[in-house]
N, C-alpha and C. Protein backbone atom coordinates (compact mmCIF):
# COMPACT_ATOMS: atom_id res chain seq x y z
N UNK A 1 -22.04 -142.05 10.72
CA UNK A 1 -20.99 -143.01 10.45
C UNK A 1 -20.60 -143.69 11.76
N UNK A 2 -20.39 -145.00 11.72
CA UNK A 2 -20.07 -145.76 12.91
C UNK A 2 -18.59 -145.59 13.29
N UNK A 3 -18.27 -145.98 14.50
CA UNK A 3 -16.88 -145.92 14.98
C UNK A 3 -15.99 -146.78 14.09
N UNK A 4 -16.47 -147.97 13.75
CA UNK A 4 -15.69 -148.87 12.91
C UNK A 4 -15.42 -148.24 11.54
N UNK A 5 -16.44 -147.67 10.94
CA UNK A 5 -16.28 -147.07 9.62
C UNK A 5 -15.25 -145.93 9.66
N UNK A 6 -15.33 -145.10 10.68
CA UNK A 6 -14.36 -144.00 10.82
C UNK A 6 -12.96 -144.55 11.02
N UNK A 7 -12.84 -145.59 11.85
CA UNK A 7 -11.52 -146.17 12.11
C UNK A 7 -10.91 -146.79 10.86
N UNK A 8 -11.74 -147.45 10.04
CA UNK A 8 -11.24 -148.02 8.79
C UNK A 8 -10.68 -146.93 7.88
N UNK A 9 -11.40 -145.83 7.81
CA UNK A 9 -10.97 -144.71 6.97
C UNK A 9 -9.66 -144.11 7.50
N UNK A 10 -9.55 -143.94 8.80
CA UNK A 10 -8.34 -143.36 9.40
C UNK A 10 -7.14 -144.28 9.18
N UNK A 11 -7.34 -145.59 9.35
CA UNK A 11 -6.24 -146.54 9.13
C UNK A 11 -5.79 -146.50 7.67
N UNK A 12 -6.76 -146.48 6.75
CA UNK A 12 -6.42 -146.45 5.32
C UNK A 12 -5.64 -145.19 4.98
N UNK A 13 -6.09 -144.04 5.49
CA UNK A 13 -5.40 -142.78 5.21
C UNK A 13 -4.02 -142.76 5.84
N UNK A 14 -3.88 -143.34 7.02
CA UNK A 14 -2.58 -143.38 7.68
C UNK A 14 -1.59 -144.23 6.88
N UNK A 15 -2.10 -145.28 6.23
CA UNK A 15 -1.26 -146.14 5.40
C UNK A 15 -1.00 -145.51 4.02
N UNK A 16 -1.67 -144.38 3.75
CA UNK A 16 -1.56 -143.66 2.47
C UNK A 16 -1.93 -144.56 1.30
N UNK A 17 -3.07 -145.24 1.45
CA UNK A 17 -3.56 -146.16 0.42
C UNK A 17 -4.92 -145.70 -0.09
N UNK A 18 -5.23 -146.13 -1.29
CA UNK A 18 -6.56 -145.89 -1.83
C UNK A 18 -7.48 -147.02 -1.36
N UNK A 19 -8.77 -146.80 -1.54
CA UNK A 19 -9.73 -147.84 -1.19
C UNK A 19 -9.50 -149.09 -2.05
N UNK A 20 -9.11 -148.90 -3.28
CA UNK A 20 -8.84 -150.02 -4.19
C UNK A 20 -7.65 -150.83 -3.68
N UNK A 21 -6.58 -150.15 -3.25
CA UNK A 21 -5.39 -150.85 -2.76
C UNK A 21 -5.71 -151.65 -1.50
N UNK A 22 -6.46 -151.05 -0.57
CA UNK A 22 -6.82 -151.75 0.67
C UNK A 22 -7.70 -152.96 0.36
N UNK A 23 -8.65 -152.79 -0.55
CA UNK A 23 -9.52 -153.92 -0.89
C UNK A 23 -8.71 -155.07 -1.49
N UNK A 24 -7.67 -154.75 -2.29
CA UNK A 24 -6.80 -155.78 -2.84
C UNK A 24 -6.02 -156.49 -1.74
N UNK A 25 -5.49 -155.72 -0.80
CA UNK A 25 -4.71 -156.29 0.31
C UNK A 25 -5.59 -157.21 1.15
N UNK A 26 -6.82 -156.79 1.40
CA UNK A 26 -7.74 -157.58 2.22
C UNK A 26 -8.35 -158.75 1.47
N UNK A 27 -8.23 -158.74 0.14
CA UNK A 27 -8.77 -159.84 -0.66
C UNK A 27 -10.28 -159.78 -0.81
N UNK A 28 -10.82 -158.56 -0.86
CA UNK A 28 -12.26 -158.37 -1.01
C UNK A 28 -12.52 -157.43 -2.18
N UNK A 29 -13.75 -157.34 -2.61
CA UNK A 29 -14.10 -156.47 -3.71
C UNK A 29 -14.05 -155.00 -3.31
N UNK A 30 -13.79 -154.15 -4.30
CA UNK A 30 -13.70 -152.71 -4.06
C UNK A 30 -14.99 -152.15 -3.48
N UNK A 31 -16.12 -152.48 -4.10
CA UNK A 31 -17.41 -151.95 -3.63
C UNK A 31 -17.74 -152.45 -2.22
N UNK A 32 -17.34 -153.66 -1.93
CA UNK A 32 -17.57 -154.21 -0.60
C UNK A 32 -16.82 -153.38 0.44
N UNK A 33 -15.54 -153.09 0.16
CA UNK A 33 -14.76 -152.29 1.10
C UNK A 33 -15.35 -150.89 1.25
N UNK A 34 -15.77 -150.30 0.15
CA UNK A 34 -16.36 -148.96 0.22
C UNK A 34 -17.58 -148.97 1.14
N UNK A 35 -18.38 -150.03 1.08
CA UNK A 35 -19.55 -150.14 1.96
C UNK A 35 -19.15 -150.29 3.42
N UNK A 36 -18.06 -151.02 3.69
CA UNK A 36 -17.57 -151.14 5.07
C UNK A 36 -17.16 -149.77 5.60
N UNK A 37 -16.43 -149.04 4.77
CA UNK A 37 -15.93 -147.73 5.19
C UNK A 37 -17.04 -146.70 5.32
N UNK A 38 -18.11 -146.88 4.56
CA UNK A 38 -19.25 -145.96 4.65
C UNK A 38 -20.20 -146.34 5.79
N UNK A 39 -19.99 -147.50 6.36
CA UNK A 39 -20.85 -147.95 7.45
C UNK A 39 -22.15 -148.56 6.97
N UNK A 40 -22.23 -148.89 5.69
CA UNK A 40 -23.45 -149.46 5.11
C UNK A 40 -23.52 -150.97 5.30
N UNK A 41 -22.38 -151.57 5.61
CA UNK A 41 -22.33 -153.03 5.71
C UNK A 41 -21.33 -153.41 6.79
N UNK A 42 -21.59 -154.52 7.50
CA UNK A 42 -20.67 -154.99 8.53
C UNK A 42 -19.63 -155.92 7.91
N UNK A 43 -18.39 -155.71 8.31
CA UNK A 43 -17.30 -156.54 7.80
C UNK A 43 -17.21 -157.85 8.58
N UNK A 44 -16.83 -158.93 7.91
CA UNK A 44 -16.64 -160.20 8.63
C UNK A 44 -15.41 -160.12 9.54
N UNK A 45 -15.35 -161.03 10.49
CA UNK A 45 -14.29 -161.02 11.48
C UNK A 45 -12.91 -161.11 10.83
N UNK A 46 -12.76 -161.93 9.82
CA UNK A 46 -11.45 -162.10 9.16
C UNK A 46 -10.93 -160.77 8.62
N UNK A 47 -11.81 -159.98 8.03
CA UNK A 47 -11.41 -158.67 7.49
C UNK A 47 -11.07 -157.72 8.63
N UNK A 48 -11.85 -157.76 9.70
CA UNK A 48 -11.59 -156.88 10.84
C UNK A 48 -10.24 -157.19 11.49
N UNK A 49 -9.90 -158.47 11.58
CA UNK A 49 -8.62 -158.85 12.17
C UNK A 49 -7.48 -158.32 11.30
N UNK A 50 -7.61 -158.45 9.99
CA UNK A 50 -6.58 -157.94 9.08
C UNK A 50 -6.43 -156.43 9.20
N UNK A 51 -7.55 -155.71 9.30
CA UNK A 51 -7.49 -154.25 9.43
C UNK A 51 -6.84 -153.84 10.74
N UNK A 52 -7.16 -154.56 11.81
CA UNK A 52 -6.54 -154.25 13.10
C UNK A 52 -5.03 -154.45 13.02
N UNK A 53 -4.60 -155.51 12.34
CA UNK A 53 -3.16 -155.77 12.19
C UNK A 53 -2.51 -154.69 11.34
N UNK A 54 -3.20 -154.27 10.29
CA UNK A 54 -2.65 -153.20 9.45
C UNK A 54 -2.47 -151.89 10.23
N UNK A 55 -3.38 -151.64 11.15
CA UNK A 55 -3.30 -150.42 11.95
C UNK A 55 -2.49 -150.57 13.22
N UNK A 56 -1.98 -151.78 13.48
CA UNK A 56 -1.23 -152.07 14.71
C UNK A 56 -2.02 -151.73 15.97
N UNK A 57 -3.31 -152.07 15.96
CA UNK A 57 -4.16 -151.85 17.13
C UNK A 57 -4.91 -153.14 17.42
N UNK A 58 -5.50 -153.21 18.59
CA UNK A 58 -6.26 -154.40 18.95
C UNK A 58 -7.61 -154.39 18.25
N UNK A 59 -8.19 -155.56 18.13
CA UNK A 59 -9.51 -155.69 17.51
C UNK A 59 -10.57 -154.96 18.34
N UNK A 60 -10.47 -155.09 19.66
CA UNK A 60 -11.41 -154.39 20.55
C UNK A 60 -11.37 -152.89 20.29
N UNK A 61 -10.18 -152.37 20.19
CA UNK A 61 -10.02 -150.93 20.00
C UNK A 61 -10.55 -150.51 18.62
N UNK A 62 -10.32 -151.32 17.62
CA UNK A 62 -10.82 -151.02 16.27
C UNK A 62 -12.34 -150.91 16.28
N UNK A 63 -12.99 -151.79 17.04
CA UNK A 63 -14.45 -151.85 17.04
C UNK A 63 -15.12 -150.87 17.99
N UNK A 64 -14.44 -150.50 19.08
CA UNK A 64 -15.14 -149.75 20.12
C UNK A 64 -14.67 -148.33 20.35
N UNK A 65 -13.42 -148.02 20.09
CA UNK A 65 -12.89 -146.69 20.41
C UNK A 65 -12.48 -145.94 19.15
N UNK A 66 -12.77 -144.67 19.13
CA UNK A 66 -12.37 -143.84 17.98
C UNK A 66 -10.86 -143.70 17.98
N UNK A 67 -10.24 -144.02 16.86
CA UNK A 67 -8.79 -143.98 16.71
C UNK A 67 -8.42 -142.71 15.96
N UNK A 68 -7.34 -142.07 16.41
CA UNK A 68 -6.84 -140.88 15.73
C UNK A 68 -5.56 -141.23 14.98
N UNK A 69 -5.18 -140.43 14.00
CA UNK A 69 -3.91 -140.71 13.29
C UNK A 69 -2.71 -140.74 14.23
N UNK A 70 -2.75 -139.92 15.28
CA UNK A 70 -1.65 -139.91 16.25
C UNK A 70 -1.56 -141.26 16.98
N UNK A 71 -2.72 -141.86 17.26
CA UNK A 71 -2.74 -143.17 17.92
C UNK A 71 -2.06 -144.23 17.06
N UNK A 72 -2.22 -144.12 15.76
CA UNK A 72 -1.66 -145.12 14.85
C UNK A 72 -0.14 -144.97 14.71
N UNK A 73 0.37 -143.77 14.97
CA UNK A 73 1.82 -143.57 14.91
C UNK A 73 2.52 -144.23 16.09
N UNK A 74 1.78 -144.44 17.19
CA UNK A 74 2.31 -145.16 18.35
C UNK A 74 1.48 -146.42 18.50
N UNK A 75 1.93 -147.54 17.92
CA UNK A 75 1.14 -148.78 17.98
C UNK A 75 0.97 -149.27 19.41
N UNK A 76 -0.07 -150.06 19.62
CA UNK A 76 -0.32 -150.66 20.93
C UNK A 76 0.88 -151.51 21.33
N UNK A 77 1.30 -151.39 22.57
CA UNK A 77 2.46 -152.13 23.01
C UNK A 77 2.04 -153.41 23.72
N UNK A 78 2.95 -154.35 23.77
CA UNK A 78 2.71 -155.62 24.44
C UNK A 78 2.97 -155.51 25.94
N UNK A 79 3.83 -154.57 26.32
CA UNK A 79 4.24 -154.49 27.73
C UNK A 79 3.42 -153.46 28.50
N UNK A 80 3.42 -153.62 29.79
CA UNK A 80 2.70 -152.73 30.69
C UNK A 80 3.63 -151.56 31.03
N UNK A 81 3.14 -150.33 30.95
CA UNK A 81 3.99 -149.19 31.30
C UNK A 81 4.36 -149.20 32.78
N UNK A 82 5.55 -148.68 33.07
CA UNK A 82 6.02 -148.64 34.46
C UNK A 82 5.16 -147.67 35.27
N UNK A 83 4.88 -146.51 34.72
CA UNK A 83 4.04 -145.53 35.39
C UNK A 83 2.63 -145.60 34.81
N UNK A 84 1.66 -145.61 35.69
CA UNK A 84 0.27 -145.70 35.25
C UNK A 84 -0.41 -144.34 35.31
N UNK A 85 0.36 -143.26 35.12
CA UNK A 85 -0.20 -141.91 35.24
C UNK A 85 -1.15 -141.55 34.10
N UNK A 86 -0.76 -141.87 32.88
CA UNK A 86 -1.52 -141.41 31.72
C UNK A 86 -2.35 -142.50 31.06
N UNK A 87 -2.78 -143.50 31.81
CA UNK A 87 -3.57 -144.57 31.23
C UNK A 87 -5.01 -144.13 31.04
N UNK A 88 -5.52 -144.37 29.84
CA UNK A 88 -6.90 -144.00 29.52
C UNK A 88 -7.69 -145.27 29.22
N UNK A 89 -8.79 -145.48 29.92
CA UNK A 89 -9.62 -146.66 29.71
C UNK A 89 -10.40 -146.47 28.42
N UNK A 90 -10.31 -147.49 27.52
CA UNK A 90 -11.04 -147.41 26.25
C UNK A 90 -12.06 -148.53 26.09
N UNK A 91 -12.11 -149.46 27.03
CA UNK A 91 -13.08 -150.54 26.92
C UNK A 91 -13.14 -151.35 28.19
N UNK A 92 -14.15 -152.22 28.23
CA UNK A 92 -14.35 -153.07 29.40
C UNK A 92 -15.07 -152.31 30.51
N UNK A 93 -15.26 -152.98 31.62
CA UNK A 93 -15.93 -152.37 32.77
C UNK A 93 -15.69 -153.21 34.01
N UNK A 94 -16.05 -152.66 35.15
CA UNK A 94 -15.93 -153.42 36.38
C UNK A 94 -16.89 -154.60 36.36
N UNK A 95 -18.04 -154.41 35.75
CA UNK A 95 -19.04 -155.48 35.67
C UNK A 95 -18.49 -156.67 34.87
N UNK A 96 -17.78 -156.37 33.79
CA UNK A 96 -17.17 -157.42 32.96
C UNK A 96 -15.97 -158.05 33.65
N UNK A 97 -15.34 -157.30 34.55
CA UNK A 97 -14.15 -157.79 35.23
C UNK A 97 -12.89 -157.63 34.41
N UNK A 98 -12.92 -156.72 33.44
CA UNK A 98 -11.74 -156.46 32.63
C UNK A 98 -11.73 -155.02 32.16
N UNK A 99 -10.54 -154.50 31.93
CA UNK A 99 -10.38 -153.15 31.42
C UNK A 99 -9.38 -153.17 30.27
N UNK A 100 -9.61 -152.29 29.29
CA UNK A 100 -8.68 -152.10 28.18
C UNK A 100 -8.16 -150.68 28.28
N UNK A 101 -6.85 -150.52 28.15
CA UNK A 101 -6.26 -149.20 28.21
C UNK A 101 -5.72 -148.82 26.85
N UNK A 102 -5.80 -147.54 26.56
CA UNK A 102 -5.32 -147.02 25.29
C UNK A 102 -3.81 -147.23 25.20
N UNK A 103 -3.39 -147.82 24.08
CA UNK A 103 -1.98 -148.02 23.84
C UNK A 103 -1.42 -149.34 24.34
N UNK A 104 -2.27 -150.20 24.93
CA UNK A 104 -1.80 -151.49 25.43
C UNK A 104 -2.66 -152.58 24.80
N UNK A 105 -2.02 -153.61 24.24
CA UNK A 105 -2.75 -154.64 23.51
C UNK A 105 -3.59 -155.55 24.39
N UNK A 106 -3.07 -155.95 25.54
CA UNK A 106 -3.78 -156.92 26.37
C UNK A 106 -4.84 -156.27 27.24
N UNK A 107 -5.86 -157.08 27.58
CA UNK A 107 -6.87 -156.66 28.56
C UNK A 107 -6.29 -156.88 29.95
N UNK A 108 -6.81 -156.12 30.90
CA UNK A 108 -6.42 -156.31 32.29
C UNK A 108 -7.63 -156.81 33.04
N UNK A 109 -7.48 -158.00 33.59
CA UNK A 109 -8.58 -158.59 34.34
C UNK A 109 -8.49 -158.14 35.78
N UNK A 110 -9.63 -157.78 36.30
CA UNK A 110 -9.67 -157.27 37.67
C UNK A 110 -10.61 -158.12 38.50
N UNK A 111 -10.27 -158.26 39.76
CA UNK A 111 -11.13 -159.05 40.63
C UNK A 111 -12.17 -158.13 41.26
N UNK A 112 -13.39 -158.62 41.30
CA UNK A 112 -14.47 -157.81 41.84
C UNK A 112 -14.98 -158.31 43.18
N UNK A 113 -14.52 -159.51 43.58
CA UNK A 113 -14.92 -160.05 44.88
C UNK A 113 -13.69 -160.49 45.64
N UNK A 114 -13.85 -160.67 46.93
CA UNK A 114 -12.74 -161.09 47.78
C UNK A 114 -12.25 -162.49 47.40
N UNK A 115 -13.18 -163.38 47.02
CA UNK A 115 -12.80 -164.74 46.64
C UNK A 115 -11.97 -164.75 45.35
N UNK A 116 -12.36 -163.92 44.38
CA UNK A 116 -11.59 -163.83 43.14
C UNK A 116 -10.18 -163.32 43.43
N UNK A 117 -10.08 -162.31 44.27
CA UNK A 117 -8.77 -161.75 44.62
C UNK A 117 -7.90 -162.80 45.30
N UNK A 118 -8.48 -163.56 46.21
CA UNK A 118 -7.76 -164.59 46.94
C UNK A 118 -7.26 -165.67 45.96
N UNK A 119 -8.12 -166.08 45.04
CA UNK A 119 -7.76 -167.08 44.04
C UNK A 119 -6.61 -166.59 43.15
N UNK A 120 -6.71 -165.35 42.67
CA UNK A 120 -5.65 -164.79 41.83
C UNK A 120 -4.33 -164.69 42.57
N UNK A 121 -4.37 -164.29 43.82
CA UNK A 121 -3.14 -164.20 44.61
C UNK A 121 -2.49 -165.56 44.78
N UNK A 122 -3.29 -166.59 45.05
CA UNK A 122 -2.75 -167.95 45.16
C UNK A 122 -2.15 -168.40 43.84
N UNK A 123 -2.83 -168.12 42.74
CA UNK A 123 -2.37 -168.53 41.42
C UNK A 123 -1.03 -167.85 41.09
N UNK A 124 -0.91 -166.58 41.41
CA UNK A 124 0.31 -165.84 41.10
C UNK A 124 1.51 -166.33 41.90
N UNK A 125 1.27 -166.94 43.04
CA UNK A 125 2.37 -167.45 43.87
C UNK A 125 2.87 -168.81 43.39
N UNK A 126 2.13 -169.45 42.48
CA UNK A 126 2.53 -170.78 41.99
C UNK A 126 3.75 -170.68 41.08
N UNK A 127 4.49 -171.76 41.00
CA UNK A 127 5.61 -171.84 40.06
C UNK A 127 5.05 -171.87 38.64
N UNK A 128 5.79 -171.36 37.66
CA UNK A 128 5.30 -171.34 36.27
C UNK A 128 4.83 -172.69 35.75
N UNK A 129 5.56 -173.75 36.08
CA UNK A 129 5.16 -175.08 35.59
C UNK A 129 3.83 -175.52 36.22
N UNK A 130 3.63 -175.18 37.49
CA UNK A 130 2.38 -175.52 38.17
C UNK A 130 1.23 -174.69 37.60
N UNK A 131 1.50 -173.44 37.24
CA UNK A 131 0.47 -172.59 36.62
C UNK A 131 -0.02 -173.22 35.32
N UNK A 132 0.94 -173.65 34.48
CA UNK A 132 0.56 -174.27 33.20
C UNK A 132 -0.30 -175.51 33.42
N UNK A 133 0.10 -176.33 34.37
CA UNK A 133 -0.66 -177.54 34.69
C UNK A 133 -2.06 -177.19 35.17
N UNK A 134 -2.14 -176.18 36.02
CA UNK A 134 -3.42 -175.74 36.57
C UNK A 134 -4.35 -175.25 35.44
N UNK A 135 -3.81 -174.48 34.52
CA UNK A 135 -4.60 -173.95 33.41
C UNK A 135 -5.05 -175.07 32.49
N UNK A 136 -4.14 -176.01 32.18
CA UNK A 136 -4.52 -177.10 31.28
C UNK A 136 -5.60 -177.98 31.92
N UNK A 137 -5.49 -178.22 33.24
CA UNK A 137 -6.52 -179.00 33.93
C UNK A 137 -7.86 -178.27 33.91
N UNK A 138 -7.82 -176.99 34.12
CA UNK A 138 -9.05 -176.19 34.11
C UNK A 138 -9.70 -176.20 32.73
N UNK A 139 -8.90 -176.04 31.67
CA UNK A 139 -9.44 -176.07 30.31
C UNK A 139 -10.06 -177.43 30.01
N UNK A 140 -9.40 -178.48 30.45
CA UNK A 140 -9.91 -179.83 30.24
C UNK A 140 -11.26 -180.02 30.93
N UNK A 141 -11.36 -179.55 32.17
CA UNK A 141 -12.62 -179.65 32.91
C UNK A 141 -13.73 -178.83 32.26
N UNK A 142 -13.37 -177.65 31.75
CA UNK A 142 -14.38 -176.82 31.07
C UNK A 142 -14.90 -177.50 29.82
N UNK A 143 -14.00 -178.13 29.07
CA UNK A 143 -14.44 -178.84 27.86
C UNK A 143 -15.36 -180.00 28.21
N UNK A 144 -15.04 -180.72 29.26
CA UNK A 144 -15.90 -181.83 29.69
C UNK A 144 -17.27 -181.32 30.10
N UNK A 145 -17.30 -180.23 30.86
CA UNK A 145 -18.57 -179.68 31.33
C UNK A 145 -19.41 -179.12 30.19
N UNK A 146 -18.76 -178.53 29.19
CA UNK A 146 -19.51 -177.98 28.06
C UNK A 146 -20.07 -179.08 27.17
N UNK A 147 -19.43 -180.24 27.16
CA UNK A 147 -19.95 -181.33 26.32
C UNK A 147 -21.15 -182.01 26.97
N UNK A 148 -21.27 -181.93 28.28
CA UNK A 148 -22.41 -182.51 29.00
C UNK A 148 -23.36 -181.40 29.41
N UNK A 149 -24.11 -180.88 28.51
CA UNK A 149 -25.02 -179.78 28.83
C UNK A 149 -26.29 -180.32 29.46
N UNK A 150 -26.52 -179.95 30.70
CA UNK A 150 -27.73 -180.45 31.37
C UNK A 150 -28.99 -179.78 30.84
N UNK A 151 -30.07 -180.52 30.87
CA UNK A 151 -31.35 -179.97 30.47
C UNK A 151 -31.88 -179.15 31.63
N UNK A 152 -31.98 -177.85 31.44
CA UNK A 152 -32.42 -176.98 32.53
C UNK A 152 -33.93 -176.91 32.55
N UNK A 153 -34.49 -177.12 33.71
CA UNK A 153 -35.93 -177.01 33.87
C UNK A 153 -36.72 -178.19 33.35
N UNK A 154 -36.05 -179.22 32.84
CA UNK A 154 -36.74 -180.39 32.31
C UNK A 154 -36.26 -181.63 33.06
N UNK A 155 -37.15 -182.61 33.14
CA UNK A 155 -36.77 -183.86 33.77
C UNK A 155 -35.86 -184.63 32.84
N UNK A 156 -34.90 -185.35 33.43
CA UNK A 156 -34.02 -186.18 32.62
C UNK A 156 -34.79 -187.39 32.14
N UNK A 157 -34.60 -187.71 30.86
CA UNK A 157 -35.28 -188.85 30.26
C UNK A 157 -34.21 -189.88 29.92
N UNK A 158 -34.47 -191.13 30.23
CA UNK A 158 -33.48 -192.17 29.97
C UNK A 158 -33.33 -192.40 28.47
N UNK A 159 -32.20 -192.96 28.10
CA UNK A 159 -31.93 -193.23 26.68
C UNK A 159 -32.92 -194.23 26.11
N UNK A 160 -33.33 -195.17 26.94
CA UNK A 160 -34.26 -196.20 26.50
C UNK A 160 -35.60 -195.58 26.10
N UNK A 161 -36.09 -194.64 26.91
CA UNK A 161 -37.36 -193.96 26.62
C UNK A 161 -37.23 -193.12 25.36
N UNK A 162 -36.09 -192.41 25.21
CA UNK A 162 -35.88 -191.60 24.01
C UNK A 162 -35.84 -192.46 22.75
N UNK A 163 -35.18 -193.59 22.83
CA UNK A 163 -35.12 -194.49 21.67
C UNK A 163 -36.50 -195.00 21.30
N UNK A 164 -37.32 -195.32 22.30
CA UNK A 164 -38.68 -195.80 22.05
C UNK A 164 -39.51 -194.70 21.36
N UNK A 165 -39.39 -193.47 21.83
CA UNK A 165 -40.14 -192.36 21.22
C UNK A 165 -39.70 -192.15 19.78
N UNK A 166 -38.40 -192.17 19.56
CA UNK A 166 -37.88 -191.99 18.20
C UNK A 166 -38.33 -193.12 17.28
N UNK A 167 -38.37 -194.33 17.80
CA UNK A 167 -38.82 -195.47 17.00
C UNK A 167 -40.28 -195.29 16.58
N UNK A 168 -41.15 -194.82 17.50
CA UNK A 168 -42.56 -194.57 17.17
C UNK A 168 -42.68 -193.52 16.07
N UNK A 169 -41.90 -192.44 16.19
CA UNK A 169 -41.94 -191.38 15.18
C UNK A 169 -41.52 -191.92 13.82
N UNK A 170 -40.46 -192.71 13.81
CA UNK A 170 -39.99 -193.27 12.56
C UNK A 170 -41.02 -194.21 11.92
N UNK A 171 -41.71 -195.00 12.74
CA UNK A 171 -42.74 -195.88 12.22
C UNK A 171 -43.87 -195.10 11.57
N UNK A 172 -44.28 -193.99 12.21
CA UNK A 172 -45.34 -193.15 11.64
C UNK A 172 -44.91 -192.57 10.29
N UNK A 173 -43.65 -192.09 10.25
CA UNK A 173 -43.13 -191.52 9.00
C UNK A 173 -43.08 -192.59 7.92
N UNK A 174 -42.64 -193.78 8.30
CA UNK A 174 -42.55 -194.89 7.34
C UNK A 174 -43.93 -195.24 6.78
N UNK A 175 -44.99 -195.25 7.62
CA UNK A 175 -46.35 -195.56 7.17
C UNK A 175 -46.83 -194.52 6.17
N UNK A 176 -46.55 -193.24 6.45
CA UNK A 176 -47.00 -192.19 5.52
C UNK A 176 -46.26 -192.29 4.19
N UNK A 177 -45.02 -192.69 4.23
CA UNK A 177 -44.25 -192.84 2.99
C UNK A 177 -44.84 -193.97 2.16
N UNK A 178 -45.22 -195.11 2.80
CA UNK A 178 -45.81 -196.24 2.08
C UNK A 178 -47.14 -195.81 1.45
N UNK A 179 -47.97 -195.06 2.18
CA UNK A 179 -49.27 -194.62 1.66
C UNK A 179 -49.09 -193.72 0.44
N UNK A 180 -48.12 -192.83 0.53
CA UNK A 180 -47.89 -191.89 -0.58
C UNK A 180 -47.43 -192.66 -1.80
N UNK A 181 -46.54 -193.59 -1.64
CA UNK A 181 -46.00 -194.32 -2.80
C UNK A 181 -47.05 -195.26 -3.40
N UNK A 182 -47.94 -195.80 -2.58
CA UNK A 182 -48.96 -196.70 -3.11
C UNK A 182 -50.01 -195.93 -3.91
N UNK A 183 -50.34 -194.73 -3.44
CA UNK A 183 -51.36 -193.94 -4.16
C UNK A 183 -50.83 -193.39 -5.47
N UNK A 184 -49.56 -193.00 -5.47
CA UNK A 184 -48.98 -192.34 -6.63
C UNK A 184 -48.71 -193.25 -7.72
């Protein structure tokens, strides 16, 4: 049985519901839910998000870490604990640059290089209004860059050449269509 399947079962039992009741709440068929809980079928993201909300845990935790009934009695908190003595890592890694701790909803991003650390320190010293502006500018630049995807490893071809090639292809297709219709 997968971690997800076990977690679905634990959340359902903690809510003191039957499989039929949970399937009704999630808006899916009974047999479909039974297959999710048995690990025979993967649940879509929408269902997983609803289950995580029902269990008061994060989606990452639902998918990656085994949840106990005791964990569900203390839902994940939004705030960071004052003392970091009993923090248990349940996801992420140094390679990813983020860590997830048991009992806390948000991920913690960590810097792995001196330049990242320097950038984060500068960002944290900014006024809140400047931070918002900085983030919105960055998001805007990312959207622009993602819309202009460069051809990697290939020479750039001008629009005029592409149009000419497409026109030739269309003419060939048009000729074959005429031949087919004349014969038929």
